[in-house]
Amino acid sequence: MFVLLGVMIRVVFFFIMASLVAIPFAVLVYWRSKNCRRRKALLALVSPYLFVYTSYACYLLGAFYCSPVFNTGCGTDGYWHTELSHGYEMYSVSDNTFSIPLGIIYKGDSIVVDDVTKIKEEGNMLYGLTFYIIDDSKGYFFSLNMETGALTWHGRYAEVKKENADITSGLMNTESFYYDKWPWVTPLEILSILLGTGIVYGLWQIFFHLCRKEGGDEI
């Protein structure tokens, strides 16, 4: 259910984005063309949708393939996982496609920090922000020395920024952190864009060939 809902939301979002490009592009092509105007306008209208959905389908299939191969999850399936330094790992499980996944940092069988919403990794240090105050002695922000295992809890934003601005600056939400850590994301994104571009380019080349063969007559 989670996977289907997440995919449907993205399909609707991509449809809206593609429509914002497709409609003015088709009008412009129809206005500027001297022959085959209606067919060119139709192709111009279809092209953004073809590019977006082809690229997304390629990325989605690639993500589901890479997820078990790299043991990362892919987010769309409601599971995220990444390795950190010195044997630490972080994972998230979510059944809500509208919220940022809460990270659980662990080493071996021991949970070190849970309910992480923002995080950054700098060398042996891990800085983060948790969703709620766990008890009176622990605040929202934490720093973890992954080499020594020393975990330090800090206060709220204002006092932490005054104490050590490095703890609060440069934090990214957990979902972005996962995607930034996964080695397959950028190559797959490039491949998906190239595939979508290639299919649209090939379709236009076929169209121009047929148009020239027909002498450019209007239909």
C-alpha atoms as a PDB file:
ATOM      1  CA  MET A   1       0.000   0.000   0.000  1.00  0.00           C
ATOM      2  CA  PHE A   2       2.820   2.378   0.925  1.00  0.00           C
ATOM      3  CA  VAL A   3       4.662   1.710  -2.335  1.00  0.00           C
ATOM      4  CA  LEU A   4       1.559   2.209  -4.470  1.00  0.00           C
ATOM      5  CA  LEU A   5       0.593   5.421  -2.679  1.00  0.00           C
ATOM      6  CA  GLY A   6       4.099   6.847  -2.999  1.00  0.00           C
ATOM      7  CA  VAL A   7       4.249   6.027  -6.710  1.00  0.00           C
ATOM      8  CA  MET A   8       0.787   7.496  -7.370  1.00  0.00           C
ATOM      9  CA  ILE A   9       1.696  10.746  -5.626  1.00  0.00           C
ATOM     10  CA  ARG A  10       4.812  11.085  -7.756  1.00  0.00           C
ATOM     11  CA  VAL A  11       2.888  10.220 -10.941  1.00  0.00           C
ATOM     12  CA  VAL A  12       0.406  13.030 -10.230  1.00  0.00           C
ATOM     13  CA  PHE A  13       3.196  15.464  -9.357  1.00  0.00           C
ATOM     14  CA  PHE A  14       5.104  14.638 -12.565  1.00  0.00           C
ATOM     15  CA  PHE A  15       1.898  15.030 -14.579  1.00  0.00           C
ATOM     16  CA  ILE A  16       1.433  18.560 -13.240  1.00  0.00           C
ATOM     17  CA  MET A  17       5.071  19.484 -13.876  1.00  0.00           C
ATOM     18  CA  ALA A  18       5.028  18.005 -17.389  1.00  0.00           C
ATOM     19  CA  SER A  19       1.782  19.836 -18.184  1.00  0.00           C
ATOM     20  CA  LEU A  20       3.367  23.163 -17.262  1.00  0.00           C
ATOM     21  CA  VAL A  21       5.979  22.520 -19.956  1.00  0.00           C
ATOM     22  CA  ALA A  22       3.949  20.563 -22.527  1.00  0.00           C
ATOM     23  CA  ILE A  23       1.089  22.997 -23.147  1.00  0.00           C
ATOM     24  CA  PRO A  24       3.119  26.188 -23.830  1.00  0.00           C
ATOM     25  CA  PHE A  25       5.705  24.119 -25.761  1.00  0.00           C
ATOM     26  CA  ALA A  26       3.003  22.685 -28.046  1.00  0.00           C
ATOM     27  CA  VAL A  27       1.520  26.138 -28.647  1.00  0.00           C
ATOM     28  CA  LEU A  28       4.954  27.552 -29.475  1.00  0.00           C
ATOM     29  CA  VAL A  29       5.774  24.701 -31.872  1.00  0.00           C
ATOM     30  CA  TYR A  30       2.405  25.055 -33.635  1.00  0.00           C
ATOM     31  CA  TRP A  31       2.892  28.805 -33.994  1.00  0.00           C
ATOM     32  CA  ARG A  32       6.485  28.556 -35.300  1.00  0.00           C
ATOM     33  CA  SER A  33       6.045  25.581 -37.651  1.00  0.00           C
ATOM     34  CA  LYS A  34       5.490  26.067 -41.374  1.00  0.00           C
ATOM     35  CA  ASN A  35       4.443  22.505 -42.179  1.00  0.00           C
ATOM     36  CA  CYS A  36       3.150  19.453 -40.316  1.00  0.00           C
ATOM     37  CA  ARG A  37       1.991  21.921 -37.689  1.00  0.00           C
ATOM     38  CA  ARG A  38      -0.655  19.772 -36.052  1.00  0.00           C
ATOM     39  CA  ARG A  39       1.530  16.703 -35.873  1.00  0.00           C
ATOM     40  CA  LYS A  40       4.486  18.711 -34.559  1.00  0.00           C
ATOM     41  CA  ALA A  41       2.285  20.318 -31.934  1.00  0.00           C
ATOM     42  CA  LEU A  42       0.939  16.911 -30.894  1.00  0.00           C
ATOM     43  CA  LEU A  43       4.446  15.514 -30.608  1.00  0.00           C
ATOM     44  CA  ALA A  44       5.543  18.584 -28.648  1.00  0.00           C
ATOM     45  CA  LEU A  45       2.588  18.033 -26.304  1.00  0.00           C
ATOM     46  CA  VAL A  46       3.439  14.360 -25.738  1.00  0.00           C
ATOM     47  CA  SER A  47       7.234  14.733 -25.426  1.00  0.00           C
ATOM     48  CA  PRO A  48       7.459  16.137 -21.859  1.00  0.00           C
ATOM     49  CA  TYR A  49       5.177  13.382 -20.533  1.00  0.00           C
ATOM     50  CA  LEU A  50       7.160  10.744 -22.397  1.00  0.00           C
ATOM     51  CA  PHE A  51      10.450  12.074 -21.046  1.00  0.00           C
ATOM     52  CA  VAL A  52       9.259  12.371 -17.440  1.00  0.00           C
ATOM     53  CA  TYR A  53       7.510   9.011 -17.179  1.00  0.00           C
ATOM     54  CA  THR A  54      10.198   7.100 -19.070  1.00  0.00           C
ATOM     55  CA  SER A  55      12.891   8.561 -16.815  1.00  0.00           C
ATOM     56  CA  TYR A  56      10.831   7.876 -13.688  1.00  0.00           C
ATOM     57  CA  ALA A  57      10.038   4.291 -14.715  1.00  0.00           C
ATOM     58  CA  CYS A  58      13.737   3.656 -15.400  1.00  0.00           C
ATOM     59  CA  TYR A  59      14.726   5.137 -12.033  1.00  0.00           C
ATOM     60  CA  LEU A  60      12.011   3.249 -10.162  1.00  0.00           C
ATOM     61  CA  LEU A  61      12.917  -0.123 -11.662  1.00  0.00           C
ATOM     62  CA  GLY A  62      16.615   0.591 -11.128  1.00  0.00           C
ATOM     63  CA  ALA A  63      16.007   1.587  -7.504  1.00  0.00           C
ATOM     64  CA  PHE A  64      14.115  -1.622  -6.756  1.00  0.00           C
ATOM     65  CA  TYR A  65      16.978  -3.577  -8.347  1.00  0.00           C
ATOM     66  CA  CYS A  66      19.760  -1.681  -6.532  1.00  0.00           C
ATOM     67  CA  SER A  67      18.025  -1.797  -3.146  1.00  0.00           C
ATOM     68  CA  PRO A  68      18.793  -5.468  -2.316  1.00  0.00           C
ATOM     69  CA  VAL A  69      22.101  -5.447  -4.203  1.00  0.00           C
ATOM     70  CA  PHE A  70      23.527  -2.589  -2.091  1.00  0.00           C
ATOM     71  CA  ASN A  71      21.409  -3.363   1.011  1.00  0.00           C
ATOM     72  CA  THR A  72      20.128   0.202   1.161  1.00  0.00           C
ATOM     73  CA  GLY A  73      16.391   0.112   0.593  1.00  0.00           C
ATOM     74  CA  CYS A  74      15.157   2.672  -1.898  1.00  0.00           C
ATOM     75  CA  GLY A  75      12.775   4.837   0.135  1.00  0.00           C
ATOM     76  CA  THR A  76       9.844   4.163  -2.160  1.00  0.00           C
ATOM     77  CA  ASP A  77       9.439   0.766  -0.502  1.00  0.00           C
ATOM     78  CA  GLY A  78       9.239   2.377   2.950  1.00  0.00           C
ATOM     79  CA  TYR A  79      12.736   1.253   3.979  1.00  0.00           C
ATOM     80  CA  TRP A  80      16.017   3.198   4.146  1.00  0.00           C
ATOM     81  CA  HIS A  81      19.417   1.958   5.282  1.00  0.00           C
ATOM     82  CA  THR A  82      23.003   3.167   5.092  1.00  0.00           C
ATOM     83  CA  GLU A  83      26.345   2.322   6.634  1.00  0.00           C
ATOM     84  CA  LEU A  84      28.267   4.877   8.674  1.00  0.00           C
ATOM     85  CA  SER A  85      31.865   4.866   9.947  1.00  0.00           C
ATOM     86  CA  HIS A  86      33.337   2.395  12.445  1.00  0.00           C
ATOM     87  CA  GLY A  87      30.575  -0.188  12.169  1.00  0.00           C
ATOM     88  CA  TYR A  88      27.677   2.171  12.839  1.00  0.00           C
ATOM     89  CA  GLU A  89      24.589   2.005  10.664  1.00  0.00           C
ATOM     90  CA  MET A  90      21.314   3.863  10.328  1.00  0.00           C
ATOM     91  CA  TYR A  91      17.962   2.670   9.075  1.00  0.00           C
ATOM     92  CA  SER A  92      14.387   3.933   8.871  1.00  0.00           C
ATOM     93  CA  VAL A  93      11.061   2.234   8.339  1.00  0.00           C
ATOM     94  CA  SER A  94       8.046   4.361   7.473  1.00  0.00           C
ATOM     95  CA  ASP A  95       4.488   3.744   6.363  1.00  0.00           C
ATOM     96  CA  ASN A  96       3.802   7.442   5.816  1.00  0.00           C
ATOM     97  CA  THR A  97       4.876   8.795   2.455  1.00  0.00           C
ATOM     98  CA  PHE A  98       4.253  12.409   3.560  1.00  0.00           C
ATOM     99  CA  SER A  99       6.753  12.508   6.437  1.00  0.00           C
ATOM    100  CA  ILE A 100      10.525  12.489   6.754  1.00  0.00           C
ATOM    101  CA  PRO A 101      11.666   9.007   7.907  1.00  0.00           C
ATOM    102  CA  LEU A 102      12.921   8.883  11.488  1.00  0.00           C
ATOM    103  CA  GLY A 103      16.394   7.370  11.609  1.00  0.00           C
ATOM    104  CA  ILE A 104      17.624   4.763  14.070  1.00  0.00           C
ATOM    105  CA  ILE A 105      21.399   4.714  14.604  1.00  0.00           C
ATOM    106  CA  TYR A 106      22.786   1.442  15.865  1.00  0.00           C
ATOM    107  CA  LYS A 107      25.949  -0.630  16.151  1.00  0.00           C
ATOM    108  CA  GLY A 108      25.695  -4.381  16.250  1.00  0.00           C
ATOM    109  CA  ASP A 109      22.537  -5.186  18.189  1.00  0.00           C
ATOM    110  CA  SER A 110      22.546  -1.962  20.240  1.00  0.00           C
ATOM    111  CA  ILE A 111      20.491   1.115  19.379  1.00  0.00           C
ATOM    112  CA  VAL A 112      22.530   4.255  20.022  1.00  0.00           C
ATOM    113  CA  VAL A 113      20.106   7.025  19.014  1.00  0.00           C
ATOM    114  CA  ASP A 114      16.584   6.797  17.617  1.00  0.00           C
ATOM    115  CA  ASP A 115      13.994   9.191  16.176  1.00  0.00           C
ATOM    116  CA  VAL A 116      16.661  11.124  14.246  1.00  0.00           C
ATOM    117  CA  THR A 117      15.218  13.758  11.887  1.00  0.00           C
ATOM    118  CA  LYS A 118      18.381  15.605  10.762  1.00  0.00           C
ATOM    119  CA  ILE A 119      21.955  14.433  10.550  1.00  0.00           C
ATOM    120  CA  LYS A 120      25.423  15.048   9.142  1.00  0.00           C
ATOM    121  CA  GLU A 121      28.636  13.029   9.121  1.00  0.00           C
ATOM    122  CA  GLU A 122      32.049  14.686   9.363  1.00  0.00           C
ATOM    123  CA  GLY A 123      34.956  12.294   9.606  1.00  0.00           C
ATOM    124  CA  ASN A 124      34.579  10.319  12.827  1.00  0.00           C
ATOM    125  CA  MET A 125      31.870  12.651  14.131  1.00  0.00           C
ATOM    126  CA  LEU A 126      28.139  12.318  13.652  1.00  0.00           C
ATOM    127  CA  TYR A 127      25.868  15.249  14.484  1.00  0.00           C
ATOM    128  CA  GLY A 128      22.104  15.113  14.546  1.00  0.00           C
ATOM    129  CA  LEU A 129      18.732  16.277  15.726  1.00  0.00           C
ATOM    130  CA  THR A 130      16.106  14.055  17.341  1.00  0.00           C
ATOM    131  CA  PHE A 131      12.337  14.370  17.074  1.00  0.00           C
ATOM    132  CA  TYR A 132      11.604  14.849  20.758  1.00  0.00           C
ATOM    133  CA  ILE A 133      13.255  15.266  24.148  1.00  0.00           C
ATOM    134  CA  ILE A 134      13.803  11.780  25.509  1.00  0.00           C
ATOM    135  CA  ASP A 135      14.149  12.772  29.164  1.00  0.00           C
ATOM    136  CA  ASP A 136      15.216  15.728  31.282  1.00  0.00           C
ATOM    137  CA  SER A 137      18.930  15.037  30.811  1.00  0.00           C
ATOM    138  CA  LYS A 138      18.877  14.719  27.010  1.00  0.00           C
ATOM    139  CA  GLY A 139      18.117  17.479  24.551  1.00  0.00           C
ATOM    140  CA  TYR A 140      17.248  17.563  20.903  1.00  0.00           C
ATOM    141  CA  PHE A 141      20.789  17.770  19.497  1.00  0.00           C
ATOM    142  CA  PHE A 142      23.474  15.127  19.858  1.00  0.00           C
ATOM    143  CA  SER A 143      27.033  14.434  18.735  1.00  0.00           C
ATOM    144  CA  LEU A 144      28.522  10.974  18.422  1.00  0.00           C
ATOM    145  CA  ASN A 145      32.213  10.205  18.176  1.00  0.00           C
ATOM    146  CA  MET A 146      32.057   7.010  16.152  1.00  0.00           C
ATOM    147  CA  GLU A 147      35.701   6.187  16.816  1.00  0.00           C
ATOM    148  CA  THR A 148      35.421   6.210  20.624  1.00  0.00           C
ATOM    149  CA  GLY A 149      31.671   5.614  20.933  1.00  0.00           C
ATOM    150  CA  ALA A 150      31.215   8.753  23.047  1.00  0.00           C
ATOM    151  CA  LEU A 151      27.668  10.110  22.760  1.00  0.00           C
ATOM    152  CA  THR A 152      26.982  13.660  23.948  1.00  0.00           C
ATOM    153  CA  TRP A 153      23.545  15.218  24.308  1.00  0.00           C
ATOM    154  CA  HIS A 154      23.209  18.963  23.885  1.00  0.00           C
ATOM    155  CA  GLY A 155      20.533  21.558  24.599  1.00  0.00           C
ATOM    156  CA  ARG A 156      18.068  23.262  22.345  1.00  0.00           C
ATOM    157  CA  TYR A 157      18.892  25.189  19.176  1.00  0.00           C
ATOM    158  CA  ALA A 158      19.688  28.619  20.632  1.00  0.00           C
ATOM    159  CA  GLU A 159      22.064  27.370  23.330  1.00  0.00           C
ATOM    160  CA  VAL A 160      23.689  24.778  21.078  1.00  0.00           C
ATOM    161  CA  LYS A 161      24.364  27.352  18.367  1.00  0.00           C
ATOM    162  CA  LYS A 162      26.022  29.564  20.938  1.00  0.00           C
ATOM    163  CA  GLU A 163      27.973  26.646  22.388  1.00  0.00           C
ATOM    164  CA  ASN A 164      29.111  25.049  19.112  1.00  0.00           C
ATOM    165  CA  ALA A 165      27.658  26.221  15.792  1.00  0.00           C
ATOM    166  CA  ASP A 166      29.170  23.195  13.998  1.00  0.00           C
ATOM    167  CA  ILE A 167      26.563  20.973  15.630  1.00  0.00           C
ATOM    168  CA  THR A 168      23.596  22.841  14.130  1.00  0.00           C
ATOM    169  CA  SER A 169      24.995  23.916  10.749  1.00  0.00           C
ATOM    170  CA  GLY A 170      24.839  21.767   7.630  1.00  0.00           C
ATOM    171  CA  LEU A 171      22.364  19.237   8.990  1.00  0.00           C
ATOM    172  CA  MET A 172      20.235  17.552   6.322  1.00  0.00           C
ATOM    173  CA  ASN A 173      17.020  15.643   6.766  1.00  0.00           C
ATOM    174  CA  THR A 174      17.411  11.891   6.995  1.00  0.00           C
ATOM    175  CA  GLU A 175      15.879  11.172   3.590  1.00  0.00           C
ATOM    176  CA  SER A 176      18.355  13.477   1.834  1.00  0.00           C
ATOM    177  CA  PHE A 177      21.179  11.987   3.896  1.00  0.00           C
ATOM    178  CA  TYR A 178      20.295   8.467   2.734  1.00  0.00           C
ATOM    179  CA  TYR A 179      20.176   9.477  -0.922  1.00  0.00           C
ATOM    180  CA  ASP A 180      23.472  11.343  -0.545  1.00  0.00           C
ATOM    181  CA  LYS A 181      25.136   8.255   0.952  1.00  0.00           C
ATOM    182  CA  TRP A 182      23.797   5.647  -1.478  1.00  0.00           C
ATOM    183  CA  PRO A 183      26.366   5.045  -4.275  1.00  0.00           C
ATOM    184  CA  TRP A 184      23.822   4.094  -6.930  1.00  0.00           C
ATOM    185  CA  VAL A 185      21.572   7.165  -6.847  1.00  0.00           C
ATOM    186  CA  THR A 186      23.549   9.609  -9.022  1.00  0.00           C
ATOM    187  CA  PRO A 187      24.516   7.063 -11.747  1.00  0.00           C
ATOM    188  CA  LEU A 188      20.914   5.847 -11.897  1.00  0.00           C
ATOM    189  CA  GLU A 189      19.584   9.399 -12.139  1.00  0.00           C
ATOM    190  CA  ILE A 190      21.965  10.126 -15.022  1.00  0.00           C
ATOM    191  CA  LEU A 191      21.039   6.881 -16.775  1.00  0.00           C
ATOM    192  CA  SER A 192      17.317   7.595 -16.355  1.00  0.00           C
ATOM    193  CA  ILE A 193      17.639  11.113 -17.788  1.00  0.00           C
ATOM    194  CA  LEU A 194      19.722   9.857 -20.715  1.00  0.00           C
ATOM    195  CA  LEU A 195      17.179   7.134 -21.465  1.00  0.00           C
ATOM    196  CA  GLY A 196      14.258   9.570 -21.345  1.00  0.00           C
ATOM    197  CA  THR A 197      16.138  12.068 -23.526  1.00  0.00           C
ATOM    198  CA  GLY A 198      17.164   9.364 -26.001  1.00  0.00           C
ATOM    199  CA  ILE A 199      13.624   8.093 -26.461  1.00  0.00           C
ATOM    200  CA  VAL A 200      12.222  11.586 -27.026  1.00  0.00           C
ATOM    201  CA  TYR A 201      15.079  12.455 -29.399  1.00  0.00           C
ATOM    202  CA  GLY A 202      14.592   9.222 -31.340  1.00  0.00           C
ATOM    203  CA  LEU A 203      10.853   9.858 -31.655  1.00  0.00           C
ATOM    204  CA  TRP A 204      11.455  13.342 -33.052  1.00  0.00           C
ATOM    205  CA  GLN A 205      14.013  11.981 -35.528  1.00  0.00           C
ATOM    206  CA  ILE A 206      11.524   9.379 -36.761  1.00  0.00           C
ATOM    207  CA  PHE A 207       8.871  12.070 -37.080  1.00  0.00           C
ATOM    208  CA  PHE A 208      11.136  14.405 -39.095  1.00  0.00           C
ATOM    209  CA  HIS A 209      12.102  11.522 -41.367  1.00  0.00           C
ATOM    210  CA  LEU A 210       8.453  10.684 -42.054  1.00  0.00           C
ATOM    211  CA  CYS A 211       7.590  14.358 -42.497  1.00  0.00           C
ATOM    212  CA  ARG A 212      10.337  14.840 -45.078  1.00  0.00           C
ATOM    213  CA  LYS A 213       9.296  11.619 -46.832  1.00  0.00           C
ATOM    214  CA  GLU A 214       5.775  12.991 -47.173  1.00  0.00           C
ATOM    215  CA  GLY A 215       7.072  16.307 -48.435  1.00  0.00           C
ATOM    216  CA  GLY A 216       6.031  18.154 -45.296  1.00  0.00           C
ATOM    217  CA  ASP A 217       2.346  18.195 -46.246  1.00  0.00           C
ATOM    218  CA  GLU A 218      -0.198  19.263 -43.664  1.00  0.00           C
ATOM    219  CA  ILE A 219      -2.823  16.763 -42.515  1.00  0.00           C
END
